[in-house]
Amino acid sequence: MDTQGIVNRAPAANKISAKIYGRAAHAGSSPENGISAIYAASCAIAKLELGRIDQETTCNLGLISGGAATNIVPEYVEIHGEARSHDPAKLDKVTQGIVSTFKNTMAELQAGGDGLPRVEMIVKNDFPHTNIPEDHMVIRLAQKAAANLGRHLVCKTSGGAADANIFFGKGIAAGVIGTGMTDVHTLKESIALKDMVSCAELVLEILQIHATGKAAV
């Protein structure tokens, strides 16, 4: 985010894990005796809506691992992903949709009477959302500091998260000032030196205003 913004809205997120169990067998001599956990996982994944669900909600499966060798029907696969939303109800709906899709798909594939393939679903809240009113003192203070520097600081809604999410969940409002970072979470991630200086100047001005007790706008 550029240095002219302050994040006052960020989503909550759930971590979602699926552990899928099949049955191992020799892939060349007796593949019909095996139950492929990879195949079962792919059937479930193909039914999911991933990426941007709407303007407030996203979903991603980011890690998958399993199998032992190319000549063994894979008996175990792990999948790890997340769901995010600014709306708690939407977050719950997407999360439960993923859980039910995996469970229902495993049930549809079971044919041998031994309960395989089966899935173990694990859902954990990763972080709460942030939703700071635009007229909150924290926002007004940052905007006053920006104005003192001849800048215009605008409120931003982000799909990412920060320590500020945890603070907000504990009742502490903390806006996230843009640093100018680009290509986030890629090998090209970078911040220009001028943007680092700009951000530091803004932080210093915020501290000076607060220290002098002139935070009111």
N, C-alpha and C. Protein backbone atom coordinates (compact mmCIF):
# COMPACT_ATOMS: atom_id res chain seq x y z
N MET A 1 0.85 -1.20 0.00
CA MET A 1 0.00 0.00 0.00
C MET A 1 0.88 1.24 0.00
N ASP A 2 0.45 2.29 -0.74
CA ASP A 2 1.25 3.51 -0.83
C ASP A 2 1.25 4.26 0.50
N THR A 3 2.14 5.25 0.58
CA THR A 3 2.33 5.98 1.84
C THR A 3 1.25 7.03 2.08
N GLN A 4 0.27 7.12 1.20
CA GLN A 4 -0.81 8.08 1.37
C GLN A 4 -2.06 7.42 1.96
N GLY A 5 -1.92 6.21 2.49
CA GLY A 5 -3.08 5.50 3.04
C GLY A 5 -2.84 4.97 4.44
N ILE A 6 -3.94 4.78 5.16
CA ILE A 6 -3.91 4.15 6.47
C ILE A 6 -5.04 3.11 6.51
N VAL A 7 -4.70 1.89 6.81
CA VAL A 7 -5.69 0.81 6.82
C VAL A 7 -6.51 0.88 8.10
N ASN A 8 -7.82 1.03 7.92
CA ASN A 8 -8.72 1.01 9.07
C ASN A 8 -9.67 -0.19 9.04
N ARG A 9 -9.66 -0.94 7.90
CA ARG A 9 -10.49 -2.14 7.79
C ARG A 9 -9.65 -3.28 7.21
N ALA A 10 -9.62 -4.40 7.91
CA ALA A 10 -8.89 -5.58 7.46
C ALA A 10 -9.69 -6.82 7.87
N PRO A 11 -9.59 -7.90 7.10
CA PRO A 11 -10.44 -9.07 7.35
C PRO A 11 -9.98 -9.97 8.49
N ALA A 12 -10.92 -10.78 8.97
CA ALA A 12 -10.61 -11.88 9.87
C ALA A 12 -10.28 -13.10 9.02
N ALA A 13 -9.61 -14.08 9.60
CA ALA A 13 -9.24 -15.26 8.83
C ALA A 13 -9.31 -16.53 9.66
N ASN A 14 -9.66 -17.62 9.00
CA ASN A 14 -9.61 -18.95 9.59
C ASN A 14 -8.59 -19.79 8.84
N LYS A 15 -7.78 -20.55 9.57
CA LYS A 15 -6.92 -21.55 8.96
C LYS A 15 -7.73 -22.84 8.84
N ILE A 16 -7.64 -23.48 7.69
CA ILE A 16 -8.43 -24.69 7.44
C ILE A 16 -7.49 -25.80 6.96
N SER A 17 -7.53 -26.94 7.63
CA SER A 17 -6.69 -28.07 7.25
C SER A 17 -7.55 -29.30 7.00
N ALA A 18 -7.18 -30.06 5.98
CA ALA A 18 -7.87 -31.31 5.67
C ALA A 18 -6.83 -32.43 5.65
N LYS A 19 -7.05 -33.46 6.47
CA LYS A 19 -6.19 -34.64 6.48
C LYS A 19 -6.99 -35.80 5.91
N ILE A 20 -6.58 -36.26 4.74
CA ILE A 20 -7.35 -37.28 4.03
C ILE A 20 -6.63 -38.62 4.07
N TYR A 21 -7.39 -39.65 4.45
CA TYR A 21 -6.84 -41.00 4.60
C TYR A 21 -7.43 -41.94 3.55
N GLY A 22 -6.56 -42.62 2.83
CA GLY A 22 -6.99 -43.62 1.86
C GLY A 22 -6.42 -44.98 2.25
N ARG A 23 -6.00 -45.76 1.26
CA ARG A 23 -5.40 -47.07 1.55
C ARG A 23 -4.27 -47.32 0.55
N ALA A 24 -3.11 -47.69 1.06
CA ALA A 24 -1.95 -47.93 0.21
C ALA A 24 -2.06 -49.28 -0.51
N ALA A 25 -1.48 -49.32 -1.69
CA ALA A 25 -1.39 -50.57 -2.46
C ALA A 25 -0.32 -50.38 -3.52
N HIS A 26 0.17 -51.48 -4.09
CA HIS A 26 1.15 -51.37 -5.16
C HIS A 26 0.44 -50.84 -6.41
N ALA A 27 0.98 -49.74 -6.94
CA ALA A 27 0.32 -49.06 -8.05
C ALA A 27 0.42 -49.83 -9.36
N GLY A 28 1.36 -50.80 -9.44
CA GLY A 28 1.52 -51.56 -10.66
C GLY A 28 0.85 -52.90 -10.64
N SER A 29 0.94 -53.63 -9.51
CA SER A 29 0.41 -54.99 -9.45
C SER A 29 -0.99 -55.07 -8.88
N SER A 30 -1.38 -54.12 -8.01
CA SER A 30 -2.72 -54.21 -7.40
C SER A 30 -3.30 -52.85 -7.09
N PRO A 31 -3.40 -51.96 -8.06
CA PRO A 31 -3.92 -50.63 -7.79
C PRO A 31 -5.38 -50.63 -7.34
N GLU A 32 -6.14 -51.67 -7.78
CA GLU A 32 -7.55 -51.75 -7.41
C GLU A 32 -7.74 -51.99 -5.91
N ASN A 33 -6.68 -52.42 -5.23
CA ASN A 33 -6.77 -52.63 -3.78
C ASN A 33 -6.50 -51.33 -3.00
N GLY A 34 -6.06 -50.31 -3.68
CA GLY A 34 -5.75 -49.06 -3.00
C GLY A 34 -6.87 -48.04 -3.12
N ILE A 35 -6.82 -47.05 -2.26
CA ILE A 35 -7.73 -45.90 -2.32
C ILE A 35 -6.86 -44.66 -2.28
N SER A 36 -6.82 -43.95 -3.38
CA SER A 36 -5.92 -42.81 -3.51
C SER A 36 -6.43 -41.58 -2.75
N ALA A 37 -5.66 -41.18 -1.75
CA ALA A 37 -6.00 -39.98 -1.00
C ALA A 37 -5.84 -38.74 -1.88
N ILE A 38 -4.89 -38.79 -2.82
CA ILE A 38 -4.70 -37.66 -3.73
C ILE A 38 -5.91 -37.50 -4.65
N TYR A 39 -6.41 -38.59 -5.17
CA TYR A 39 -7.60 -38.52 -6.03
C TYR A 39 -8.79 -38.00 -5.23
N ALA A 40 -8.97 -38.51 -4.02
CA ALA A 40 -10.09 -38.07 -3.18
C ALA A 40 -10.00 -36.58 -2.89
N ALA A 41 -8.78 -36.12 -2.61
CA ALA A 41 -8.58 -34.70 -2.32
C ALA A 41 -8.90 -33.86 -3.55
N SER A 42 -8.47 -34.32 -4.73
CA SER A 42 -8.71 -33.56 -5.95
C SER A 42 -10.20 -33.46 -6.27
N CYS A 43 -10.95 -34.50 -5.95
CA CYS A 43 -12.40 -34.47 -6.19
C CYS A 43 -13.06 -33.39 -5.34
N ALA A 44 -12.60 -33.25 -4.09
CA ALA A 44 -13.16 -32.23 -3.20
C ALA A 44 -12.74 -30.84 -3.64
N ILE A 45 -11.46 -30.68 -3.96
CA ILE A 45 -10.94 -29.36 -4.35
C ILE A 45 -11.64 -28.84 -5.60
N ALA A 46 -11.94 -29.75 -6.53
CA ALA A 46 -12.58 -29.34 -7.78
C ALA A 46 -13.96 -28.74 -7.57
N LYS A 47 -14.56 -29.01 -6.42
CA LYS A 47 -15.90 -28.49 -6.14
C LYS A 47 -15.88 -27.15 -5.42
N LEU A 48 -14.71 -26.71 -4.98
CA LEU A 48 -14.61 -25.50 -4.18
C LEU A 48 -14.53 -24.24 -5.04
N GLU A 49 -15.07 -23.16 -4.49
CA GLU A 49 -14.89 -21.84 -5.10
C GLU A 49 -13.73 -21.18 -4.38
N LEU A 50 -12.64 -20.95 -5.11
CA LEU A 50 -11.44 -20.39 -4.51
C LEU A 50 -11.13 -19.02 -5.11
N GLY A 51 -10.20 -18.32 -4.48
CA GLY A 51 -9.84 -16.98 -4.96
C GLY A 51 -10.73 -15.92 -4.32
N ARG A 52 -11.14 -14.94 -5.11
CA ARG A 52 -12.01 -13.87 -4.59
C ARG A 52 -13.46 -14.31 -4.69
N ILE A 53 -14.09 -14.47 -3.54
CA ILE A 53 -15.49 -14.88 -3.50
C ILE A 53 -16.39 -13.66 -3.74
N ASP A 54 -16.09 -12.56 -3.05
CA ASP A 54 -16.75 -11.27 -3.28
C ASP A 54 -15.79 -10.19 -2.81
N GLN A 55 -16.24 -8.95 -2.75
CA GLN A 55 -15.35 -7.84 -2.40
C GLN A 55 -14.86 -7.90 -0.95
N GLU A 56 -15.52 -8.70 -0.13
CA GLU A 56 -15.13 -8.80 1.28
C GLU A 56 -14.48 -10.12 1.63
N THR A 57 -14.52 -11.08 0.73
CA THR A 57 -14.20 -12.45 1.09
C THR A 57 -13.27 -13.13 0.08
N THR A 58 -12.26 -13.84 0.60
CA THR A 58 -11.35 -14.61 -0.25
C THR A 58 -11.13 -15.99 0.37
N CYS A 59 -10.63 -16.90 -0.47
CA CYS A 59 -10.37 -18.26 -0.01
C CYS A 59 -9.19 -18.82 -0.79
N ASN A 60 -8.28 -19.53 -0.11
CA ASN A 60 -7.10 -20.06 -0.78
C ASN A 60 -6.63 -21.35 -0.14
N LEU A 61 -6.26 -22.32 -0.99
CA LEU A 61 -5.56 -23.51 -0.53
C LEU A 61 -4.11 -23.34 -0.94
N GLY A 62 -3.22 -23.25 0.04
CA GLY A 62 -1.85 -22.87 -0.24
C GLY A 62 -0.81 -23.96 -0.12
N LEU A 63 -1.14 -25.06 0.58
CA LEU A 63 -0.17 -26.13 0.78
C LEU A 63 -0.85 -27.48 0.60
N ILE A 64 -0.14 -28.41 -0.06
CA ILE A 64 -0.63 -29.77 -0.20
C ILE A 64 0.57 -30.71 -0.19
N SER A 65 0.49 -31.80 0.55
CA SER A 65 1.59 -32.76 0.60
C SER A 65 1.02 -34.15 0.85
N GLY A 66 1.70 -35.17 0.32
CA GLY A 66 1.23 -36.53 0.53
C GLY A 66 1.88 -37.50 -0.44
N GLY A 67 1.58 -38.75 -0.23
CA GLY A 67 2.15 -39.78 -1.07
C GLY A 67 3.54 -40.17 -0.61
N ALA A 68 4.00 -41.36 -1.07
CA ALA A 68 5.31 -41.86 -0.66
C ALA A 68 6.21 -42.18 -1.85
N ALA A 69 5.64 -42.65 -2.94
CA ALA A 69 6.41 -43.00 -4.13
C ALA A 69 5.47 -43.12 -5.31
N THR A 70 6.02 -43.07 -6.52
CA THR A 70 5.18 -43.14 -7.71
C THR A 70 4.56 -44.51 -7.90
N ASN A 71 5.12 -45.56 -7.27
CA ASN A 71 4.56 -46.90 -7.43
C ASN A 71 3.70 -47.34 -6.26
N ILE A 72 3.26 -46.35 -5.45
CA ILE A 72 2.40 -46.65 -4.31
C ILE A 72 1.15 -45.78 -4.40
N VAL A 73 -0.02 -46.42 -4.34
CA VAL A 73 -1.26 -45.65 -4.26
C VAL A 73 -1.21 -44.84 -2.96
N PRO A 74 -1.31 -43.53 -3.03
CA PRO A 74 -1.12 -42.70 -1.83
C PRO A 74 -2.25 -42.87 -0.81
N GLU A 75 -1.84 -43.14 0.42
CA GLU A 75 -2.84 -43.36 1.47
C GLU A 75 -3.08 -42.14 2.34
N TYR A 76 -2.29 -41.06 2.14
CA TYR A 76 -2.46 -39.90 3.02
C TYR A 76 -2.10 -38.61 2.30
N VAL A 77 -2.91 -37.60 2.50
CA VAL A 77 -2.66 -36.26 1.95
C VAL A 77 -3.07 -35.21 2.98
N GLU A 78 -2.28 -34.16 3.08
CA GLU A 78 -2.63 -33.01 3.91
C GLU A 78 -2.79 -31.78 3.03
N ILE A 79 -3.84 -31.01 3.30
CA ILE A 79 -4.09 -29.77 2.58
C ILE A 79 -4.30 -28.66 3.61
N HIS A 80 -3.63 -27.52 3.37
CA HIS A 80 -3.76 -26.40 4.30
C HIS A 80 -4.14 -25.14 3.53
N GLY A 81 -5.13 -24.43 4.04
CA GLY A 81 -5.58 -23.21 3.38
C GLY A 81 -6.16 -22.22 4.36
N GLU A 82 -6.85 -21.25 3.83
CA GLU A 82 -7.44 -20.21 4.66
C GLU A 82 -8.66 -19.63 3.98
N ALA A 83 -9.49 -19.00 4.80
CA ALA A 83 -10.60 -18.18 4.32
C ALA A 83 -10.53 -16.85 5.05
N ARG A 84 -10.83 -15.76 4.34
CA ARG A 84 -10.80 -14.43 4.94
C ARG A 84 -12.08 -13.67 4.57
N SER A 85 -12.53 -12.83 5.49
CA SER A 85 -13.65 -11.95 5.16
C SER A 85 -13.74 -10.81 6.16
N HIS A 86 -14.24 -9.68 5.69
CA HIS A 86 -14.52 -8.55 6.57
C HIS A 86 -15.84 -8.78 7.31
N ASP A 87 -16.64 -9.72 6.84
CA ASP A 87 -17.94 -10.03 7.43
C ASP A 87 -17.85 -11.37 8.15
N PRO A 88 -17.99 -11.41 9.47
CA PRO A 88 -17.89 -12.67 10.22
C PRO A 88 -18.86 -13.74 9.74
N ALA A 89 -20.05 -13.34 9.33
CA ALA A 89 -21.04 -14.31 8.85
C ALA A 89 -20.57 -14.96 7.55
N LYS A 90 -19.99 -14.14 6.66
CA LYS A 90 -19.48 -14.68 5.40
C LYS A 90 -18.29 -15.60 5.65
N LEU A 91 -17.44 -15.22 6.59
CA LEU A 91 -16.28 -16.06 6.92
C LEU A 91 -16.74 -17.43 7.41
N ASP A 92 -17.74 -17.43 8.27
CA ASP A 92 -18.27 -18.70 8.78
C ASP A 92 -18.90 -19.52 7.67
N LYS A 93 -19.62 -18.86 6.76
CA LYS A 93 -20.28 -19.57 5.67
C LYS A 93 -19.27 -20.24 4.74
N VAL A 94 -18.24 -19.49 4.36
CA VAL A 94 -17.21 -20.04 3.47
C VAL A 94 -16.46 -21.18 4.15
N THR A 95 -16.13 -20.98 5.41
CA THR A 95 -15.40 -22.02 6.16
C THR A 95 -16.21 -23.30 6.25
N GLN A 96 -17.47 -23.17 6.65
CA GLN A 96 -18.32 -24.35 6.77
C GLN A 96 -18.58 -25.00 5.41
N GLY A 97 -18.59 -24.19 4.36
CA GLY A 97 -18.77 -24.74 3.02
C GLY A 97 -17.60 -25.63 2.63
N ILE A 98 -16.40 -25.22 2.97
CA ILE A 98 -15.21 -26.01 2.67
C ILE A 98 -15.23 -27.32 3.47
N VAL A 99 -15.55 -27.20 4.74
CA VAL A 99 -15.60 -28.39 5.60
C VAL A 99 -16.62 -29.40 5.08
N SER A 100 -17.81 -28.92 4.77
CA SER A 100 -18.86 -29.83 4.31
C SER A 100 -18.54 -30.43 2.95
N THR A 101 -17.89 -29.67 2.08
CA THR A 101 -17.52 -30.19 0.76
C THR A 101 -16.55 -31.35 0.89
N PHE A 102 -15.54 -31.22 1.72
CA PHE A 102 -14.59 -32.31 1.92
C PHE A 102 -15.28 -33.53 2.54
N LYS A 103 -16.09 -33.31 3.56
CA LYS A 103 -16.75 -34.43 4.22
C LYS A 103 -17.74 -35.14 3.30
N ASN A 104 -18.53 -34.37 2.57
CA ASN A 104 -19.51 -34.97 1.67
C ASN A 104 -18.85 -35.72 0.52
N THR A 105 -17.75 -35.17 0.01
CA THR A 105 -17.04 -35.83 -1.09
C THR A 105 -16.46 -37.16 -0.64
N MET A 106 -15.90 -37.20 0.56
CA MET A 106 -15.35 -38.47 1.06
C MET A 106 -16.47 -39.51 1.21
N ALA A 107 -17.60 -39.06 1.69
CA ALA A 107 -18.74 -39.97 1.86
C ALA A 107 -19.20 -40.52 0.51
N GLU A 108 -19.19 -39.68 -0.51
CA GLU A 108 -19.61 -40.10 -1.85
C GLU A 108 -18.65 -41.13 -2.45
N LEU A 109 -17.38 -41.04 -2.08
CA LEU A 109 -16.37 -41.93 -2.65
C LEU A 109 -16.23 -43.25 -1.90
N GLN A 110 -16.78 -43.32 -0.71
CA GLN A 110 -16.67 -44.56 0.07
C GLN A 110 -17.49 -45.68 -0.57
N ALA A 111 -16.83 -46.83 -0.79
CA ALA A 111 -17.52 -47.94 -1.45
C ALA A 111 -17.22 -49.29 -0.82
N GLY A 112 -16.15 -49.38 -0.06
CA GLY A 112 -15.73 -50.69 0.45
C GLY A 112 -16.25 -51.06 1.82
N GLY A 113 -16.99 -50.17 2.45
CA GLY A 113 -17.52 -50.49 3.78
C GLY A 113 -16.54 -50.29 4.90
N ASP A 114 -15.32 -49.83 4.59
CA ASP A 114 -14.32 -49.62 5.65
C ASP A 114 -14.15 -48.14 6.01
N GLY A 115 -15.05 -47.30 5.50
CA GLY A 115 -15.02 -45.89 5.86
C GLY A 115 -13.92 -45.10 5.18
N LEU A 116 -13.35 -45.63 4.09
CA LEU A 116 -12.29 -44.94 3.37
C LEU A 116 -12.76 -44.58 1.96
N PRO A 117 -12.35 -43.45 1.45
CA PRO A 117 -11.50 -42.44 2.09
C PRO A 117 -12.26 -41.67 3.16
N ARG A 118 -11.51 -41.15 4.11
CA ARG A 118 -12.11 -40.33 5.15
C ARG A 118 -11.27 -39.08 5.34
N VAL A 119 -11.87 -38.07 5.94
CA VAL A 119 -11.17 -36.81 6.12
C VAL A 119 -11.32 -36.31 7.54
N GLU A 120 -10.26 -35.72 8.05
CA GLU A 120 -10.27 -35.04 9.35
C GLU A 120 -10.09 -33.56 9.06
N MET A 121 -11.07 -32.75 9.42
CA MET A 121 -11.02 -31.32 9.18
C MET A 121 -10.64 -30.57 10.46
N ILE A 122 -9.74 -29.62 10.33
CA ILE A 122 -9.31 -28.81 11.47
C ILE A 122 -9.46 -27.34 11.10
N VAL A 123 -10.22 -26.61 11.89
CA VAL A 123 -10.43 -25.17 11.65
C VAL A 123 -9.99 -24.39 12.87
N LYS A 124 -9.14 -23.40 12.64
CA LYS A 124 -8.67 -22.55 13.74
C LYS A 124 -8.75 -21.09 13.30
N ASN A 125 -9.24 -20.23 14.20
CA ASN A 125 -9.24 -18.80 13.91
C ASN A 125 -7.80 -18.31 13.90
N ASP A 126 -7.42 -17.64 12.82
CA ASP A 126 -6.05 -17.15 12.69
C ASP A 126 -5.90 -15.76 13.30
N PHE A 127 -6.84 -14.87 12.95
CA PHE A 127 -6.83 -13.53 13.52
C PHE A 127 -8.20 -12.89 13.32
N PRO A 128 -8.57 -11.94 14.20
CA PRO A 128 -9.86 -11.25 14.07
C PRO A 128 -9.78 -10.13 13.05
N HIS A 129 -10.92 -9.53 12.74
CA HIS A 129 -10.95 -8.43 11.77
C HIS A 129 -10.59 -7.11 12.44
N THR A 130 -10.35 -6.11 11.63
CA THR A 130 -10.15 -4.73 12.09
C THR A 130 -11.21 -3.86 11.43
N ASN A 131 -11.86 -3.02 12.21
CA ASN A 131 -12.87 -2.11 11.67
C ASN A 131 -12.89 -0.85 12.53
N ILE A 132 -12.01 0.10 12.19
CA ILE A 132 -11.88 1.34 12.96
C ILE A 132 -12.66 2.45 12.27
N PRO A 133 -13.59 3.11 12.96
CA PRO A 133 -14.35 4.20 12.35
C PRO A 133 -13.41 5.30 11.83
N GLU A 134 -13.78 5.92 10.73
CA GLU A 134 -12.92 6.93 10.12
C GLU A 134 -12.77 8.17 10.99
N ASP A 135 -13.69 8.38 11.93
CA ASP A 135 -13.57 9.55 12.80
C ASP A 135 -12.93 9.20 14.14
N HIS A 136 -12.35 8.02 14.25
CA HIS A 136 -11.68 7.60 15.48
C HIS A 136 -10.43 8.45 15.70
N MET A 137 -10.10 8.67 16.96
CA MET A 137 -8.96 9.52 17.31
C MET A 137 -7.66 9.06 16.65
N VAL A 138 -7.47 7.74 16.55
CA VAL A 138 -6.25 7.21 15.96
C VAL A 138 -6.13 7.64 14.49
N ILE A 139 -7.24 7.58 13.77
CA ILE A 139 -7.24 7.97 12.37
C ILE A 139 -7.05 9.47 12.23
N ARG A 140 -7.76 10.23 13.04
CA ARG A 140 -7.67 11.69 12.97
C ARG A 140 -6.27 12.18 13.31
N LEU A 141 -5.63 11.53 14.26
CA LEU A 141 -4.27 11.90 14.64
C LEU A 141 -3.31 11.70 13.46
N ALA A 142 -3.41 10.55 12.82
CA ALA A 142 -2.53 10.26 11.68
C ALA A 142 -2.80 11.22 10.53
N GLN A 143 -4.07 11.55 10.30
CA GLN A 143 -4.41 12.47 9.21
C GLN A 143 -3.93 13.90 9.51
N LYS A 144 -3.98 14.29 10.78
CA LYS A 144 -3.47 15.62 11.15
C LYS A 144 -1.96 15.68 10.93
N ALA A 145 -1.28 14.61 11.29
CA ALA A 145 0.17 14.56 11.09
C ALA A 145 0.50 14.65 9.60
N ALA A 146 -0.26 13.95 8.79
CA ALA A 146 -0.04 13.99 7.34
C ALA A 146 -0.28 15.40 6.81
N ALA A 147 -1.36 16.03 7.28
CA ALA A 147 -1.68 17.39 6.83
C ALA A 147 -0.56 18.36 7.19
N ASN A 148 0.04 18.18 8.38
CA ASN A 148 1.16 19.04 8.79
C ASN A 148 2.34 18.92 7.84
N LEU A 149 2.44 17.75 7.18
CA LEU A 149 3.53 17.50 6.24
C LEU A 149 3.12 17.82 4.81
N GLY A 150 1.91 18.37 4.64
CA GLY A 150 1.43 18.71 3.32
C GLY A 150 0.92 17.52 2.54
N ARG A 151 0.47 16.50 3.24
CA ARG A 151 -0.01 15.29 2.59
C ARG A 151 -1.49 15.06 2.91
N HIS A 152 -2.10 14.17 2.14
CA HIS A 152 -3.49 13.80 2.36
C HIS A 152 -3.54 12.30 2.62
N LEU A 153 -3.87 11.90 3.84
CA LEU A 153 -3.89 10.49 4.23
C LEU A 153 -5.33 9.97 4.20
N VAL A 154 -5.58 8.95 3.38
CA VAL A 154 -6.94 8.43 3.23
C VAL A 154 -7.07 7.05 3.85
N CYS A 155 -8.27 6.74 4.30
CA CYS A 155 -8.54 5.42 4.88
C CYS A 155 -8.60 4.36 3.78
N LYS A 156 -8.10 3.19 4.10
CA LYS A 156 -8.04 2.10 3.13
C LYS A 156 -8.62 0.82 3.72
N THR A 157 -9.24 0.02 2.85
CA THR A 157 -9.68 -1.33 3.21
C THR A 157 -8.70 -2.31 2.60
N SER A 158 -8.18 -3.21 3.42
CA SER A 158 -7.15 -4.14 2.96
C SER A 158 -7.64 -5.59 3.00
N GLY A 159 -7.08 -6.40 2.12
CA GLY A 159 -7.36 -7.83 2.17
C GLY A 159 -6.31 -8.56 2.98
N GLY A 160 -5.25 -7.84 3.34
CA GLY A 160 -4.21 -8.41 4.18
C GLY A 160 -4.49 -8.14 5.65
N ALA A 161 -3.58 -8.57 6.49
CA ALA A 161 -3.75 -8.39 7.93
C ALA A 161 -2.41 -8.00 8.55
N ALA A 162 -2.46 -7.60 9.82
CA ALA A 162 -1.26 -7.17 10.53
C ALA A 162 -1.45 -7.40 12.02
N ASP A 163 -0.45 -7.04 12.79
CA ASP A 163 -0.57 -7.11 14.25
C ASP A 163 -1.76 -6.30 14.73
N ALA A 164 -2.12 -5.28 13.94
CA ALA A 164 -3.25 -4.41 14.31
C ALA A 164 -4.54 -5.21 14.46
N ASN A 165 -4.68 -6.31 13.70
CA ASN A 165 -5.87 -7.15 13.84
C ASN A 165 -5.95 -7.73 15.24
N ILE A 166 -4.82 -8.20 15.75
CA ILE A 166 -4.79 -8.77 17.10
C ILE A 166 -5.09 -7.69 18.13
N PHE A 167 -4.49 -6.51 17.93
CA PHE A 167 -4.74 -5.40 18.85
C PHE A 167 -6.23 -5.05 18.88
N PHE A 168 -6.85 -4.97 17.70
CA PHE A 168 -8.27 -4.62 17.61
C PHE A 168 -9.12 -5.65 18.34
N GLY A 169 -8.74 -6.91 18.23
CA GLY A 169 -9.47 -7.97 18.92
C GLY A 169 -9.38 -7.84 20.43
N LYS A 170 -8.36 -7.13 20.90
CA LYS A 170 -8.18 -6.90 22.34
C LYS A 170 -8.69 -5.53 22.77
N GLY A 171 -9.38 -4.85 21.84
CA GLY A 171 -9.95 -3.55 22.18
C GLY A 171 -9.03 -2.37 21.95
N ILE A 172 -7.93 -2.57 21.22
CA ILE A 172 -6.97 -1.49 20.95
C ILE A 172 -7.01 -1.14 19.47
N ALA A 173 -7.39 0.10 19.15
CA ALA A 173 -7.46 0.53 17.75
C ALA A 173 -6.08 0.96 17.27
N ALA A 174 -5.63 0.37 16.17
CA ALA A 174 -4.32 0.70 15.62
C ALA A 174 -4.41 0.65 14.09
N GLY A 175 -4.34 1.81 13.46
CA GLY A 175 -4.35 1.85 12.01
C GLY A 175 -2.98 1.45 11.47
N VAL A 176 -2.96 0.93 10.26
CA VAL A 176 -1.71 0.51 9.62
C VAL A 176 -1.33 1.52 8.54
N ILE A 177 -0.22 2.18 8.73
CA ILE A 177 0.24 3.19 7.78
C ILE A 177 0.92 2.52 6.60
N GLY A 178 0.60 2.98 5.40
CA GLY A 178 1.21 2.41 4.20
C GLY A 178 2.70 2.70 4.13
N THR A 179 3.47 1.71 3.72
CA THR A 179 4.92 1.86 3.60
C THR A 179 5.39 1.94 2.15
N GLY A 180 4.47 1.72 1.20
CA GLY A 180 4.86 1.73 -0.20
C GLY A 180 5.35 0.38 -0.70
N MET A 181 5.19 -0.66 0.10
CA MET A 181 5.65 -1.98 -0.31
C MET A 181 4.92 -2.43 -1.57
N THR A 182 5.66 -3.04 -2.50
CA THR A 182 5.08 -3.53 -3.74
C THR A 182 5.36 -5.02 -3.91
N ASP A 183 4.56 -5.67 -4.74
CA ASP A 183 4.73 -7.10 -5.04
C ASP A 183 4.84 -7.94 -3.77
N VAL A 184 3.89 -7.72 -2.86
CA VAL A 184 3.92 -8.38 -1.55
C VAL A 184 3.86 -9.90 -1.69
N HIS A 185 4.66 -10.59 -0.87
CA HIS A 185 4.73 -12.05 -0.82
C HIS A 185 5.19 -12.68 -2.14
N THR A 186 6.02 -11.95 -2.88
CA THR A 186 6.64 -12.51 -4.07
C THR A 186 8.15 -12.26 -3.97
N LEU A 187 8.91 -12.85 -4.89
CA LEU A 187 10.36 -12.65 -4.90
C LEU A 187 10.73 -11.22 -5.29
N LYS A 188 9.76 -10.45 -5.80
CA LYS A 188 10.01 -9.07 -6.21
C LYS A 188 9.59 -8.07 -5.14
N GLU A 189 9.18 -8.54 -3.96
CA GLU A 189 8.74 -7.64 -2.90
C GLU A 189 9.81 -6.61 -2.60
N SER A 190 9.41 -5.34 -2.51
CA SER A 190 10.39 -4.28 -2.27
C SER A 190 9.73 -3.03 -1.71
N ILE A 191 10.56 -2.17 -1.12
CA ILE A 191 10.12 -0.86 -0.65
C ILE A 191 11.17 0.16 -1.10
N ALA A 192 10.73 1.21 -1.75
CA ALA A 192 11.65 2.25 -2.20
C ALA A 192 12.15 3.04 -1.00
N LEU A 193 13.39 3.45 -1.05
CA LEU A 193 13.99 4.19 0.06
C LEU A 193 13.22 5.47 0.35
N LYS A 194 12.76 6.15 -0.69
CA LYS A 194 12.02 7.40 -0.49
C LYS A 194 10.72 7.15 0.28
N ASP A 195 10.10 5.99 0.06
CA ASP A 195 8.86 5.66 0.77
C ASP A 195 9.15 5.33 2.23
N MET A 196 10.29 4.71 2.50
CA MET A 196 10.68 4.44 3.88
C MET A 196 10.89 5.75 4.63
N VAL A 197 11.52 6.70 3.96
CA VAL A 197 11.75 8.02 4.56
C VAL A 197 10.42 8.72 4.81
N SER A 198 9.52 8.66 3.82
CA SER A 198 8.21 9.30 3.93
C SER A 198 7.42 8.72 5.10
N CYS A 199 7.46 7.40 5.25
CA CYS A 199 6.75 6.74 6.35
C CYS A 199 7.35 7.14 7.70
N ALA A 200 8.67 7.19 7.76
CA ALA A 200 9.34 7.57 9.01
C ALA A 200 9.00 9.00 9.40
N GLU A 201 8.92 9.89 8.42
CA GLU A 201 8.57 11.28 8.70
C GLU A 201 7.17 11.37 9.28
N LEU A 202 6.26 10.57 8.75
CA LEU A 202 4.88 10.59 9.23
C LEU A 202 4.79 10.07 10.66
N VAL A 203 5.49 8.98 10.94
CA VAL A 203 5.51 8.42 12.30
C VAL A 203 6.07 9.44 13.28
N LEU A 204 7.15 10.09 12.91
CA LEU A 204 7.76 11.10 13.78
C LEU A 204 6.79 12.24 14.05
N GLU A 205 6.07 12.69 13.03
CA GLU A 205 5.11 13.78 13.21
C GLU A 205 3.95 13.36 14.11
N ILE A 206 3.50 12.11 13.97
CA ILE A 206 2.45 11.58 14.85
C ILE A 206 2.91 11.62 16.30
N LEU A 207 4.13 11.18 16.54
CA LEU A 207 4.68 11.16 17.90
C LEU A 207 4.80 12.57 18.47
N GLN A 208 5.23 13.52 17.63
CA GLN A 208 5.39 14.88 18.10
C GLN A 208 4.05 15.51 18.45
N ILE A 209 3.03 15.27 17.63
CA ILE A 209 1.70 15.80 17.92
C ILE A 209 1.16 15.22 19.22
N HIS A 210 1.30 13.91 19.35
CA HIS A 210 0.79 13.24 20.56
C HIS A 210 1.53 13.71 21.80
N ALA A 211 2.83 13.90 21.68
CA ALA A 211 3.64 14.32 22.84
C ALA A 211 3.30 15.73 23.32
N THR A 212 2.86 16.56 22.39
CA THR A 212 2.54 17.94 22.76
C THR A 212 1.07 18.10 23.17
N GLY A 213 0.31 17.00 23.07
CA GLY A 213 -1.09 17.05 23.47
C GLY A 213 -1.97 17.79 22.50
N LYS A 214 -1.54 17.93 21.25
CA LYS A 214 -2.30 18.67 20.24
C LYS A 214 -2.93 17.72 19.23
N ALA A 215 -3.39 16.56 19.73
CA ALA A 215 -3.91 15.55 18.82
C ALA A 215 -5.30 15.88 18.29
N ALA A 216 -6.04 16.73 18.98
CA ALA A 216 -7.40 17.04 18.55
C ALA A 216 -7.39 17.73 17.19
N VAL A 217 -8.33 17.36 16.33
CA VAL A 217 -8.40 17.93 14.99
C VAL A 217 -9.53 18.96 14.95
